[in-house]
C-alpha atoms as a PDB file:
ATOM      1  CA  GLY A   1     109.291  96.539 107.298  1.00  0.00           C
ATOM      2  CA  ARG A   2     107.641  94.522 110.034  1.00  0.00           C
ATOM      3  CA  ASN A   3     104.070  95.807 109.394  1.00  0.00           C
ATOM      4  CA  ALA A   4     101.323  95.075 106.996  1.00  0.00           C
ATOM      5  CA  TYR A   5      98.145  97.203 106.336  1.00  0.00           C
ATOM      6  CA  GLY A   6      94.857  96.045 104.901  1.00  0.00           C
ATOM      7  CA  ILE A   7      91.553  97.649 104.084  1.00  0.00           C
ATOM      8  CA  GLN A   8      88.386  95.583 104.139  1.00  0.00           C
ATOM      9  CA  PHE A   9      85.957  97.744 102.146  1.00  0.00           C
ATOM     10  CA  HIS A  10      85.736  99.409  98.702  1.00  0.00           C
ATOM     11  CA  LEU A  11      87.177 102.840  98.719  1.00  0.00           C
ATOM     12  CA  GLU A  12      86.504 103.276  94.976  1.00  0.00           C
ATOM     13  CA  VAL A  13      82.751 102.869  94.967  1.00  0.00           C
ATOM     14  CA  THR A  14      81.009 105.760  93.207  1.00  0.00           C
ATOM     15  CA  ARG A  15      77.329 106.326  92.685  1.00  0.00           C
ATOM     16  CA  GLU A  16      77.643 104.822  89.269  1.00  0.00           C
ATOM     17  CA  ILE A  17      79.111 101.636  90.739  1.00  0.00           C
ATOM     18  CA  VAL A  18      76.314 101.365  93.214  1.00  0.00           C
ATOM     19  CA  LYS A  19      73.808 101.622  90.344  1.00  0.00           C
ATOM     20  CA  ASP A  20      75.773  99.047  88.395  1.00  0.00           C
ATOM     21  CA  TRP A  21      75.523  96.653  91.380  1.00  0.00           C
ATOM     22  CA  ILE A  22      71.784  97.281  91.643  1.00  0.00           C
ATOM     23  CA  ASN A  23      71.263  96.530  87.985  1.00  0.00           C
ATOM     24  CA  GLU A  24      73.315  93.367  88.196  1.00  0.00           C
ATOM     25  CA  TYR A  25      72.003  91.912  91.408  1.00  0.00           C
ATOM     26  CA  PHE A  26      68.529  93.421  92.043  1.00  0.00           C
ATOM     27  CA  SER A  27      66.835  93.591  88.665  1.00  0.00           C
ATOM     28  CA  SER A  28      64.631  90.572  88.934  1.00  0.00           C
ATOM     29  CA  GLY A  29      61.467  92.572  89.724  1.00  0.00           C
ATOM     30  CA  ASP A  30      61.035  91.026  93.095  1.00  0.00           C
ATOM     31  CA  GLU A  31      59.582  93.677  95.455  1.00  0.00           C
ATOM     32  CA  THR A  32      61.861  92.785  98.326  1.00  0.00           C
ATOM     33  CA  LEU A  33      65.012  93.195  96.117  1.00  0.00           C
ATOM     34  CA  LYS A  34      63.539  96.480  94.699  1.00  0.00           C
ATOM     35  CA  SER A  35      63.159  97.810  98.277  1.00  0.00           C
ATOM     36  CA  LYS A  36      66.758  96.770  99.040  1.00  0.00           C
ATOM     37  CA  ALA A  37      67.887  98.566  95.799  1.00  0.00           C
ATOM     38  CA  ASP A  38      65.991 101.753  96.818  1.00  0.00           C
ATOM     39  CA  SER A  39      67.550 101.543 100.300  1.00  0.00           C
ATOM     40  CA  MET A  40      71.075 101.269  98.805  1.00  0.00           C
ATOM     41  CA  LEU A  41      70.496 104.382  96.694  1.00  0.00           C
ATOM     42  CA  GLU A  42      69.188 106.331  99.648  1.00  0.00           C
ATOM     43  CA  ASP A  43      72.085 105.264 101.780  1.00  0.00           C
ATOM     44  CA  ASP A  44      74.568 106.351  98.991  1.00  0.00           C
ATOM     45  CA  LYS A  45      72.894 109.679  98.759  1.00  0.00           C
ATOM     46  CA  ARG A  46      72.920 110.169 102.517  1.00  0.00           C
ATOM     47  CA  PHE A  47      76.482 109.029 103.115  1.00  0.00           C
ATOM     48  CA  ARG A  48      78.317 109.988  99.898  1.00  0.00           C
ATOM     49  CA  GLU A  49      79.748 113.259 100.955  1.00  0.00           C
ATOM     50  CA  GLY A  50      81.015 112.053 104.370  1.00  0.00           C
ATOM     51  CA  LEU A  51      82.393 108.884 102.768  1.00  0.00           C
ATOM     52  CA  GLU A  52      84.341 110.905 100.158  1.00  0.00           C
ATOM     53  CA  GLU A  53      85.804 113.062 102.961  1.00  0.00           C
ATOM     54  CA  ASN A  54      86.732 110.111 105.105  1.00  0.00           C
ATOM     55  CA  VAL A  55      88.405 108.296 102.125  1.00  0.00           C
ATOM     56  CA  LYS A  56      90.501 111.369 101.463  1.00  0.00           C
ATOM     57  CA  ARG A  57      91.419 111.590 105.128  1.00  0.00           C
ATOM     58  CA  LEU A  58      92.319 107.844 105.190  1.00  0.00           C
ATOM     59  CA  CYS A  59      94.497 108.216 102.038  1.00  0.00           C
ATOM     60  CA  ARG A  60      96.370 111.222 103.444  1.00  0.00           C
ATOM     61  CA  ASN A  61      97.034 109.426 106.696  1.00  0.00           C
ATOM     62  CA  PHE A  62      98.017 106.273 105.057  1.00  0.00           C
ATOM     63  CA  GLU A  63     100.526 108.229 102.842  1.00  0.00           C
ATOM     64  CA  LYS A  64     101.978 109.742 106.118  1.00  0.00           C
ATOM     65  CA  ILE A  65     102.425 106.361 107.597  1.00  0.00           C
ATOM     66  CA  MET A  66     104.105 105.000 104.360  1.00  0.00           C
ATOM     67  CA  VAL A  67     106.478 107.996 104.142  1.00  0.00           C
ATOM     68  CA  SER A  68     107.460 107.814 107.804  1.00  0.00           C
ATOM     69  CA  ALA A  69     108.006 104.033 107.575  1.00  0.00           C
ATOM     70  CA  ARG A  70     110.910 104.568 104.988  1.00  0.00           C
END
């Protein structure tokens, strides 16, 4: 059709992926980086449930848009 849709974030990110990113990018032992890593884990813990619900809602709504666009 005439429309295009894009998403500018990672819907697929799990807690394990966050931990992998931390291990890859923040493992130098630098205290500032350790603080950032700890902050990322806390944010993931705090927002995980809401994020998962919003991703489900986004996918359901996107599917409705695609079905109605046929």
